[in-house]
Structures are given as structure tokens and as C-alpha cells.
Amino acid sequence: MVWLLTGVLAGLALASLWPTEQVHAIATDRSDRFAVTTVDVGPGTPDAVFVLDFLTGRLTGALLNPTSGVFTNFYFRNVAADFIVDPNVKAKYAMIPGAGVLNSGGGVTTASGVIYIGELASGKLVAYRFPFRNSREPLNDILPLEPFAFYSFRDAESKE
């Protein structure tokens, strides 16, 4: 019994000293007309939530303030214009979040996560980043979503 108790105590002591990693979950859901995703903003900040309306190509988003419990940062972008979607062709979008950890510039704090949006008819994928400001009250202006990287998955050729 002494050896069992010693083993349990040694295991607990070792476990308390072992480095741990925070578990973090992101989520994406979609229907036939829109998609919703959460994107990591940074340490100590709740995820931002974004909604892509497949019918209009409008991407909107918001960020909760952890102290006041209200949405304070708001985002908008017409992604249909970024893909130059033919108005006669029904756009087919896919959206997922990702880790960007990009450098901020010009005194602006950029979120650590990015949004990847692909569109089937154009064969393009665009990565978007966004700034955020810590505020207890809702900001009066809508913050921009900036497309910063582009990839054409239809033009990619195999290197074989």
C-alpha cells in the first residue's frame, strides 16, 4: 500500500511540473445559404464570429468584449467583389478559420487568426486578416477585413 501511495504522489507531483498546453477549439458550421465560423483573436480575448452570406457574398463579423459582455468590434467585407464572381453564375463559397499570427503595423493590433474563403466558380482562395481594438463599449465604425493573400487552386500544377 505504501508503494502504491508513493507512486500516486510521485505521479501527481510530476504531472504538476509537466508543461501543459491550452486546449482551444474553433468552430465552423454551414447551411446551403450561409456559413458561420469563429476565429482566434489573441490571448485573453474571445474568438471573433463571422457569417458569410452565400446569396450576397457579404462577410460580417463581431467580437465580444470579455468584461462588458457586448459586441464591440464589427466587421464587413463584400467578398463577391474580391472573387470577381460573374453575376450570371451562382457563387459557391467555402470558409474556414486558420492561425495567422501576422505582424501588426502602423499601431494597429491584428488578430492572430485569419479567415480563408474559397470560391468554386472563380477557382480562387483568399486569406483575410482583421484588426481589433479593446473597448468596453461598441465602436462606432465598422473595421475592415483585409484580403492579404491569394491562391488560385485551378491554376496549380503538379510538380511531378
N, C-alpha and C. Protein backbone atom coordinates (compact mmCIF):
# COMPACT_ATOMS: atom_id res chain seq x y z
N MET A 1 0.82 -1.19 0.00
CA MET A 1 0.00 0.00 0.00
C MET A 1 0.87 1.26 0.00
N VAL A 2 2.00 1.19 0.69
CA VAL A 2 2.90 2.34 0.76
C VAL A 2 3.47 2.64 -0.62
N TRP A 3 3.85 1.58 -1.38
CA TRP A 3 4.39 1.78 -2.71
C TRP A 3 3.33 2.37 -3.66
N LEU A 4 2.11 1.95 -3.54
CA LEU A 4 1.03 2.49 -4.37
C LEU A 4 0.82 3.96 -4.08
N LEU A 5 0.74 4.32 -2.81
CA LEU A 5 0.56 5.71 -2.41
C LEU A 5 1.76 6.55 -2.85
N THR A 6 2.96 6.04 -2.73
CA THR A 6 4.16 6.75 -3.17
C THR A 6 4.13 6.98 -4.68
N GLY A 7 3.71 5.99 -5.41
CA GLY A 7 3.61 6.10 -6.87
C GLY A 7 2.58 7.14 -7.30
N VAL A 8 1.43 7.16 -6.63
CA VAL A 8 0.39 8.13 -6.95
C VAL A 8 0.88 9.54 -6.65
N LEU A 9 1.50 9.75 -5.50
CA LEU A 9 2.02 11.07 -5.13
C LEU A 9 3.12 11.52 -6.09
N ALA A 10 4.01 10.62 -6.46
CA ALA A 10 5.08 10.95 -7.42
C ALA A 10 4.48 11.31 -8.78
N GLY A 11 3.46 10.59 -9.21
CA GLY A 11 2.78 10.89 -10.47
C GLY A 11 2.11 12.24 -10.45
N LEU A 12 1.43 12.58 -9.36
CA LEU A 12 0.78 13.88 -9.24
C LEU A 12 1.81 15.01 -9.23
N ALA A 13 2.93 14.80 -8.53
CA ALA A 13 3.98 15.82 -8.48
C ALA A 13 4.58 16.03 -9.87
N LEU A 14 4.84 14.95 -10.59
CA LEU A 14 5.39 15.06 -11.93
C LEU A 14 4.39 15.72 -12.88
N ALA A 15 3.12 15.38 -12.77
CA ALA A 15 2.09 15.98 -13.63
C ALA A 15 1.96 17.48 -13.40
N SER A 16 2.13 17.93 -12.16
CA SER A 16 2.01 19.36 -11.88
C SER A 16 3.20 20.14 -12.44
N LEU A 17 4.34 19.50 -12.64
CA LEU A 17 5.53 20.16 -13.17
C LEU A 17 5.63 20.06 -14.69
N TRP A 18 4.90 19.12 -15.28
CA TRP A 18 4.95 18.89 -16.72
C TRP A 18 4.31 20.05 -17.46
N PRO A 19 4.94 20.54 -18.56
CA PRO A 19 4.34 21.65 -19.30
C PRO A 19 2.98 21.25 -19.89
N THR A 20 2.05 22.18 -19.84
CA THR A 20 0.72 21.92 -20.37
C THR A 20 0.44 22.85 -21.53
N GLU A 21 -0.47 22.46 -22.36
CA GLU A 21 -0.87 23.26 -23.49
C GLU A 21 -2.36 23.53 -23.38
N GLN A 22 -2.75 24.79 -23.60
CA GLN A 22 -4.16 25.15 -23.55
C GLN A 22 -4.91 24.48 -24.70
N VAL A 23 -6.08 23.98 -24.40
CA VAL A 23 -6.94 23.42 -25.44
C VAL A 23 -7.77 24.56 -26.00
N HIS A 24 -7.84 24.64 -27.31
CA HIS A 24 -8.59 25.71 -27.95
C HIS A 24 -9.38 25.13 -29.11
N ALA A 25 -10.65 25.39 -29.13
CA ALA A 25 -11.49 24.86 -30.20
C ALA A 25 -12.01 26.00 -31.07
N ILE A 26 -11.99 25.78 -32.36
CA ILE A 26 -12.62 26.69 -33.29
C ILE A 26 -13.77 25.94 -33.92
N ALA A 27 -14.72 26.67 -34.44
CA ALA A 27 -15.90 26.01 -34.98
C ALA A 27 -16.31 26.65 -36.30
N THR A 28 -16.81 25.83 -37.19
CA THR A 28 -17.39 26.29 -38.44
C THR A 28 -18.64 25.45 -38.70
N ASP A 29 -19.69 26.12 -39.14
CA ASP A 29 -20.91 25.43 -39.49
C ASP A 29 -21.47 26.11 -40.73
N ARG A 30 -22.24 25.38 -41.49
CA ARG A 30 -22.79 25.95 -42.72
C ARG A 30 -24.12 25.33 -43.06
N SER A 31 -24.87 26.05 -43.85
CA SER A 31 -26.08 25.51 -44.46
C SER A 31 -25.95 25.78 -45.95
N ASP A 32 -27.02 25.65 -46.69
CA ASP A 32 -26.92 25.90 -48.13
C ASP A 32 -26.87 27.39 -48.47
N ARG A 33 -27.15 28.27 -47.50
CA ARG A 33 -27.19 29.71 -47.78
C ARG A 33 -26.19 30.56 -47.01
N PHE A 34 -25.60 30.01 -45.95
CA PHE A 34 -24.61 30.79 -45.21
C PHE A 34 -23.70 29.88 -44.39
N ALA A 35 -22.57 30.45 -43.95
CA ALA A 35 -21.63 29.74 -43.09
C ALA A 35 -21.27 30.64 -41.92
N VAL A 36 -21.00 30.02 -40.78
CA VAL A 36 -20.60 30.73 -39.57
C VAL A 36 -19.30 30.10 -39.08
N THR A 37 -18.35 30.95 -38.66
CA THR A 37 -17.10 30.43 -38.13
C THR A 37 -16.59 31.33 -37.00
N THR A 38 -15.80 30.75 -36.11
CA THR A 38 -15.14 31.54 -35.08
C THR A 38 -13.65 31.60 -35.43
N VAL A 39 -13.02 32.73 -35.07
CA VAL A 39 -11.61 32.96 -35.40
C VAL A 39 -10.89 33.46 -34.16
N ASP A 40 -9.73 32.88 -33.89
CA ASP A 40 -8.92 33.29 -32.75
C ASP A 40 -8.46 34.74 -32.94
N VAL A 41 -8.61 35.54 -31.89
CA VAL A 41 -8.19 36.94 -31.94
C VAL A 41 -6.85 37.12 -31.26
N GLY A 42 -6.67 36.50 -30.11
CA GLY A 42 -5.42 36.62 -29.38
C GLY A 42 -5.60 36.21 -27.94
N PRO A 43 -4.50 36.13 -27.20
CA PRO A 43 -4.57 35.70 -25.80
C PRO A 43 -5.47 36.62 -24.96
N GLY A 44 -6.33 36.00 -24.17
CA GLY A 44 -7.21 36.76 -23.28
C GLY A 44 -8.39 37.43 -23.96
N THR A 45 -8.58 37.17 -25.24
CA THR A 45 -9.68 37.78 -25.98
C THR A 45 -10.57 36.68 -26.54
N PRO A 46 -11.89 36.83 -26.43
CA PRO A 46 -12.78 35.81 -27.01
C PRO A 46 -12.60 35.73 -28.53
N ASP A 47 -12.98 34.60 -29.10
CA ASP A 47 -12.94 34.46 -30.55
C ASP A 47 -13.91 35.45 -31.20
N ALA A 48 -13.56 35.89 -32.40
CA ALA A 48 -14.50 36.69 -33.19
C ALA A 48 -15.39 35.70 -33.95
N VAL A 49 -16.60 36.11 -34.26
CA VAL A 49 -17.52 35.27 -35.01
C VAL A 49 -17.81 35.96 -36.34
N PHE A 50 -17.81 35.17 -37.44
CA PHE A 50 -18.05 35.72 -38.76
C PHE A 50 -19.13 34.91 -39.47
N VAL A 51 -19.96 35.61 -40.25
CA VAL A 51 -21.03 34.99 -41.02
C VAL A 51 -20.84 35.38 -42.49
N LEU A 52 -20.79 34.37 -43.36
CA LEU A 52 -20.71 34.61 -44.80
C LEU A 52 -22.04 34.24 -45.42
N ASP A 53 -22.70 35.24 -46.02
CA ASP A 53 -23.97 35.05 -46.69
C ASP A 53 -23.67 34.63 -48.14
N PHE A 54 -23.98 33.40 -48.48
CA PHE A 54 -23.67 32.88 -49.81
C PHE A 54 -24.47 33.59 -50.91
N LEU A 55 -25.65 34.08 -50.59
CA LEU A 55 -26.50 34.71 -51.59
C LEU A 55 -25.98 36.08 -52.00
N THR A 56 -25.42 36.83 -51.05
CA THR A 56 -24.96 38.20 -51.35
C THR A 56 -23.45 38.33 -51.41
N GLY A 57 -22.72 37.36 -50.86
CA GLY A 57 -21.27 37.47 -50.80
C GLY A 57 -20.79 38.41 -49.72
N ARG A 58 -21.66 38.73 -48.76
CA ARG A 58 -21.31 39.64 -47.67
C ARG A 58 -20.74 38.85 -46.49
N LEU A 59 -19.58 39.28 -46.02
CA LEU A 59 -18.96 38.70 -44.84
C LEU A 59 -19.05 39.72 -43.72
N THR A 60 -19.74 39.35 -42.64
CA THR A 60 -19.87 40.23 -41.49
C THR A 60 -19.33 39.52 -40.27
N GLY A 61 -18.91 40.30 -39.28
CA GLY A 61 -18.36 39.69 -38.08
C GLY A 61 -18.48 40.61 -36.88
N ALA A 62 -18.23 40.03 -35.70
CA ALA A 62 -18.29 40.79 -34.46
C ALA A 62 -17.38 40.14 -33.42
N LEU A 63 -16.95 40.94 -32.45
CA LEU A 63 -16.08 40.49 -31.38
C LEU A 63 -16.69 40.90 -30.05
N LEU A 64 -16.81 39.94 -29.14
CA LEU A 64 -17.34 40.21 -27.79
C LEU A 64 -16.25 40.78 -26.90
N ASN A 65 -16.63 41.74 -26.06
CA ASN A 65 -15.72 42.21 -25.02
C ASN A 65 -15.90 41.29 -23.83
N PRO A 66 -14.80 40.71 -23.28
CA PRO A 66 -14.94 39.75 -22.19
C PRO A 66 -15.42 40.37 -20.88
N THR A 67 -15.23 41.67 -20.71
CA THR A 67 -15.64 42.33 -19.47
C THR A 67 -17.09 42.79 -19.51
N SER A 68 -17.46 43.48 -20.59
CA SER A 68 -18.81 44.03 -20.66
C SER A 68 -19.83 43.04 -21.21
N GLY A 69 -19.36 42.00 -21.93
CA GLY A 69 -20.28 41.00 -22.46
C GLY A 69 -21.12 41.50 -23.62
N VAL A 70 -20.67 42.53 -24.33
CA VAL A 70 -21.38 43.03 -25.51
C VAL A 70 -20.43 43.01 -26.70
N PHE A 71 -21.01 42.93 -27.88
CA PHE A 71 -20.19 43.02 -29.09
C PHE A 71 -19.68 44.45 -29.24
N THR A 72 -18.37 44.58 -29.45
CA THR A 72 -17.77 45.91 -29.52
C THR A 72 -17.09 46.20 -30.86
N ASN A 73 -16.55 45.21 -31.50
CA ASN A 73 -15.89 45.38 -32.80
C ASN A 73 -16.77 44.73 -33.86
N PHE A 74 -16.98 45.45 -34.96
CA PHE A 74 -17.83 44.93 -36.04
C PHE A 74 -17.05 44.97 -37.34
N TYR A 75 -17.30 43.99 -38.22
CA TYR A 75 -16.53 43.84 -39.45
C TYR A 75 -17.47 43.65 -40.64
N PHE A 76 -17.00 44.08 -41.82
CA PHE A 76 -17.77 43.89 -43.04
C PHE A 76 -16.83 43.83 -44.24
N ARG A 77 -17.17 42.97 -45.19
CA ARG A 77 -16.48 42.93 -46.48
C ARG A 77 -17.39 42.26 -47.50
N ASN A 78 -17.43 42.80 -48.71
CA ASN A 78 -18.13 42.16 -49.82
C ASN A 78 -17.12 41.26 -50.53
N VAL A 79 -17.11 39.98 -50.18
CA VAL A 79 -16.11 39.08 -50.75
C VAL A 79 -16.43 38.73 -52.20
N ALA A 80 -17.67 38.90 -52.63
CA ALA A 80 -18.01 38.63 -54.04
C ALA A 80 -17.18 39.52 -54.95
N ALA A 81 -16.92 40.75 -54.52
CA ALA A 81 -16.10 41.67 -55.32
C ALA A 81 -14.65 41.20 -55.37
N ASP A 82 -14.16 40.57 -54.31
CA ASP A 82 -12.79 40.08 -54.29
C ASP A 82 -12.58 38.92 -55.25
N PHE A 83 -13.62 38.13 -55.48
CA PHE A 83 -13.51 36.97 -56.37
C PHE A 83 -13.92 37.30 -57.80
N ILE A 84 -14.46 38.48 -58.02
CA ILE A 84 -14.96 38.91 -59.33
C ILE A 84 -15.87 37.83 -59.89
N VAL A 85 -16.90 37.53 -59.13
CA VAL A 85 -17.85 36.48 -59.49
C VAL A 85 -18.78 37.00 -60.58
N ASP A 86 -18.93 36.23 -61.63
CA ASP A 86 -19.86 36.56 -62.72
C ASP A 86 -21.27 36.59 -62.14
N PRO A 87 -22.00 37.69 -62.32
CA PRO A 87 -23.36 37.76 -61.75
C PRO A 87 -24.31 36.71 -62.31
N ASN A 88 -23.99 36.13 -63.47
CA ASN A 88 -24.84 35.10 -64.07
C ASN A 88 -24.55 33.70 -63.54
N VAL A 89 -23.47 33.58 -62.75
CA VAL A 89 -23.08 32.28 -62.20
C VAL A 89 -23.30 32.32 -60.69
N LYS A 90 -23.92 31.28 -60.15
CA LYS A 90 -24.15 31.22 -58.71
C LYS A 90 -22.83 30.90 -58.00
N ALA A 91 -22.38 31.81 -57.15
CA ALA A 91 -21.13 31.61 -56.42
C ALA A 91 -21.29 30.47 -55.42
N LYS A 92 -20.23 29.71 -55.24
CA LYS A 92 -20.21 28.61 -54.26
C LYS A 92 -19.00 28.81 -53.36
N TYR A 93 -19.27 29.21 -52.12
CA TYR A 93 -18.22 29.56 -51.18
C TYR A 93 -17.97 28.45 -50.16
N ALA A 94 -16.74 28.44 -49.66
CA ALA A 94 -16.36 27.63 -48.51
C ALA A 94 -15.53 28.54 -47.61
N MET A 95 -15.69 28.39 -46.29
CA MET A 95 -15.00 29.27 -45.36
C MET A 95 -14.48 28.47 -44.18
N ILE A 96 -13.21 28.71 -43.81
CA ILE A 96 -12.63 28.10 -42.62
C ILE A 96 -11.70 29.10 -41.94
N PRO A 97 -11.53 28.98 -40.62
CA PRO A 97 -10.56 29.83 -39.93
C PRO A 97 -9.19 29.16 -39.91
N GLY A 98 -8.18 29.95 -39.62
CA GLY A 98 -6.83 29.41 -39.50
C GLY A 98 -5.98 30.29 -38.62
N ALA A 99 -4.82 29.79 -38.25
CA ALA A 99 -3.88 30.56 -37.45
C ALA A 99 -3.03 31.39 -38.38
N GLY A 100 -2.97 32.69 -38.12
CA GLY A 100 -2.18 33.57 -38.98
C GLY A 100 -0.97 34.13 -38.27
N VAL A 101 -1.15 34.57 -37.04
CA VAL A 101 -0.11 35.18 -36.23
C VAL A 101 0.74 36.11 -37.09
N LEU A 102 0.08 37.11 -37.66
CA LEU A 102 0.72 38.05 -38.56
C LEU A 102 1.19 39.29 -37.81
N ASN A 103 2.20 39.94 -38.35
CA ASN A 103 2.70 41.16 -37.73
C ASN A 103 1.69 42.28 -37.89
N SER A 104 1.55 43.08 -36.84
CA SER A 104 0.71 44.26 -36.90
C SER A 104 1.58 45.42 -37.40
N GLY A 105 0.95 46.38 -37.99
CA GLY A 105 1.70 47.53 -38.46
C GLY A 105 0.93 48.81 -38.24
N GLY A 106 1.65 49.90 -38.12
CA GLY A 106 1.02 51.21 -38.02
C GLY A 106 0.18 51.40 -36.78
N GLY A 107 0.54 50.77 -35.66
CA GLY A 107 -0.20 50.96 -34.42
C GLY A 107 -1.50 50.20 -34.35
N VAL A 108 -1.75 49.33 -35.32
CA VAL A 108 -2.98 48.54 -35.36
C VAL A 108 -2.68 47.15 -34.83
N THR A 109 -3.56 46.63 -33.97
CA THR A 109 -3.41 45.27 -33.48
C THR A 109 -4.18 44.33 -34.40
N THR A 110 -3.48 43.38 -35.00
CA THR A 110 -4.10 42.43 -35.90
C THR A 110 -4.37 41.12 -35.16
N ALA A 111 -5.52 40.54 -35.40
CA ALA A 111 -5.89 39.27 -34.77
C ALA A 111 -4.89 38.18 -35.15
N SER A 112 -4.73 37.21 -34.26
CA SER A 112 -3.80 36.12 -34.54
C SER A 112 -4.40 35.09 -35.49
N GLY A 113 -5.70 35.11 -35.69
CA GLY A 113 -6.35 34.19 -36.62
C GLY A 113 -6.68 34.87 -37.94
N VAL A 114 -6.89 34.08 -38.96
CA VAL A 114 -7.28 34.58 -40.27
C VAL A 114 -8.50 33.79 -40.76
N ILE A 115 -9.13 34.30 -41.80
CA ILE A 115 -10.28 33.64 -42.41
C ILE A 115 -9.88 33.28 -43.84
N TYR A 116 -10.06 32.01 -44.20
CA TYR A 116 -9.81 31.57 -45.57
C TYR A 116 -11.17 31.35 -46.23
N ILE A 117 -11.35 31.98 -47.39
CA ILE A 117 -12.59 31.80 -48.15
C ILE A 117 -12.21 31.36 -49.56
N GLY A 118 -12.83 30.28 -49.99
CA GLY A 118 -12.64 29.78 -51.35
C GLY A 118 -13.93 29.91 -52.13
N GLU A 119 -13.81 30.10 -53.43
CA GLU A 119 -14.99 30.21 -54.28
C GLU A 119 -14.78 29.31 -55.48
N LEU A 120 -15.71 28.41 -55.74
CA LEU A 120 -15.56 27.37 -56.73
C LEU A 120 -15.55 27.88 -58.17
N ALA A 121 -16.47 28.78 -58.54
CA ALA A 121 -16.56 29.24 -59.93
C ALA A 121 -15.30 29.98 -60.38
N SER A 122 -14.72 30.77 -59.49
CA SER A 122 -13.51 31.52 -59.83
C SER A 122 -12.25 30.67 -59.65
N GLY A 123 -12.33 29.63 -58.82
CA GLY A 123 -11.18 28.80 -58.54
C GLY A 123 -10.14 29.48 -57.67
N LYS A 124 -10.59 30.43 -56.85
CA LYS A 124 -9.65 31.20 -56.03
C LYS A 124 -9.92 31.02 -54.55
N LEU A 125 -8.85 31.22 -53.78
CA LEU A 125 -8.93 31.24 -52.34
C LEU A 125 -8.28 32.54 -51.86
N VAL A 126 -8.92 33.21 -50.92
CA VAL A 126 -8.40 34.47 -50.39
C VAL A 126 -8.29 34.35 -48.87
N ALA A 127 -7.19 34.85 -48.32
CA ALA A 127 -6.99 34.91 -46.88
C ALA A 127 -7.26 36.34 -46.41
N TYR A 128 -8.05 36.46 -45.35
CA TYR A 128 -8.41 37.77 -44.79
C TYR A 128 -7.88 37.89 -43.36
N ARG A 129 -7.36 39.06 -43.03
CA ARG A 129 -6.97 39.37 -41.65
C ARG A 129 -7.80 40.55 -41.19
N PHE A 130 -7.81 40.75 -39.87
CA PHE A 130 -8.63 41.84 -39.35
C PHE A 130 -8.01 42.42 -38.08
N PRO A 131 -8.20 43.73 -37.88
CA PRO A 131 -7.70 44.38 -36.68
C PRO A 131 -8.73 44.27 -35.57
N PHE A 132 -8.31 44.57 -34.36
CA PHE A 132 -9.28 44.68 -33.27
C PHE A 132 -8.80 45.72 -32.28
N ARG A 133 -9.75 46.29 -31.57
CA ARG A 133 -9.46 47.27 -30.54
C ARG A 133 -10.18 46.86 -29.28
N ASN A 134 -9.46 46.88 -28.16
CA ASN A 134 -10.10 46.59 -26.89
C ASN A 134 -10.96 47.78 -26.48
N SER A 135 -12.23 47.53 -26.29
CA SER A 135 -13.17 48.58 -25.93
C SER A 135 -14.31 47.96 -25.13
N ARG A 136 -14.73 48.65 -24.08
CA ARG A 136 -15.87 48.16 -23.29
C ARG A 136 -17.19 48.50 -23.95
N GLU A 137 -17.18 49.53 -24.78
CA GLU A 137 -18.39 49.98 -25.46
C GLU A 137 -18.27 49.69 -26.96
N PRO A 138 -19.38 49.50 -27.65
CA PRO A 138 -19.33 49.26 -29.10
C PRO A 138 -18.66 50.43 -29.83
N LEU A 139 -17.79 50.09 -30.78
CA LEU A 139 -17.14 51.12 -31.60
C LEU A 139 -18.13 51.62 -32.63
N ASN A 140 -18.01 52.89 -32.98
CA ASN A 140 -18.94 53.48 -33.94
C ASN A 140 -18.62 53.13 -35.38
N ASP A 141 -17.39 52.72 -35.65
CA ASP A 141 -17.02 52.43 -37.02
C ASP A 141 -16.92 50.92 -37.26
N ILE A 142 -17.13 50.54 -38.50
CA ILE A 142 -17.01 49.15 -38.90
C ILE A 142 -15.57 48.94 -39.35
N LEU A 143 -14.91 47.95 -38.77
CA LEU A 143 -13.50 47.70 -39.06
C LEU A 143 -13.36 46.89 -40.34
N PRO A 144 -12.27 47.11 -41.07
CA PRO A 144 -12.11 46.43 -42.36
C PRO A 144 -11.59 45.00 -42.21
N LEU A 145 -12.01 44.16 -43.12
CA LEU A 145 -11.41 42.84 -43.30
C LEU A 145 -10.50 42.98 -44.51
N GLU A 146 -9.22 42.70 -44.34
CA GLU A 146 -8.25 42.95 -45.40
C GLU A 146 -7.84 41.65 -46.09
N PRO A 147 -8.09 41.56 -47.41
CA PRO A 147 -7.56 40.42 -48.14
C PRO A 147 -6.05 40.62 -48.31
N PHE A 148 -5.25 39.64 -47.92
CA PHE A 148 -3.81 39.86 -47.99
C PHE A 148 -3.05 38.76 -48.73
N ALA A 149 -3.68 37.63 -48.97
CA ALA A 149 -3.01 36.56 -49.71
C ALA A 149 -4.03 35.88 -50.62
N PHE A 150 -3.59 35.55 -51.83
CA PHE A 150 -4.47 34.97 -52.83
C PHE A 150 -3.85 33.70 -53.38
N TYR A 151 -4.70 32.76 -53.73
CA TYR A 151 -4.24 31.48 -54.27
C TYR A 151 -5.27 30.99 -55.27
N SER A 152 -4.80 30.63 -56.46
CA SER A 152 -5.69 30.10 -57.48
C SER A 152 -5.52 28.59 -57.52
N PHE A 153 -6.50 27.86 -57.00
CA PHE A 153 -6.37 26.41 -56.95
C PHE A 153 -6.66 25.74 -58.29
N ARG A 154 -7.19 26.46 -59.23
CA ARG A 154 -7.40 25.91 -60.57
C ARG A 154 -6.13 25.97 -61.42
N ASP A 155 -5.24 26.94 -61.11
CA ASP A 155 -4.02 27.11 -61.91
C ASP A 155 -2.86 26.29 -61.38
N ALA A 156 -3.02 25.70 -60.20
CA ALA A 156 -1.91 24.95 -59.61
C ALA A 156 -1.63 23.70 -60.43
N GLU A 157 -0.35 23.49 -60.71
CA GLU A 157 0.05 22.30 -61.46
C GLU A 157 0.87 21.40 -60.56
N SER A 158 0.80 20.13 -60.84
CA SER A 158 1.58 19.15 -60.08
C SER A 158 3.06 19.28 -60.41
N LYS A 159 3.90 19.12 -59.40
CA LYS A 159 5.35 19.20 -59.58
C LYS A 159 5.95 17.84 -59.90
N GLU A 160 5.14 16.88 -60.24
CA GLU A 160 5.64 15.51 -60.51
C GLU A 160 6.34 15.43 -61.84
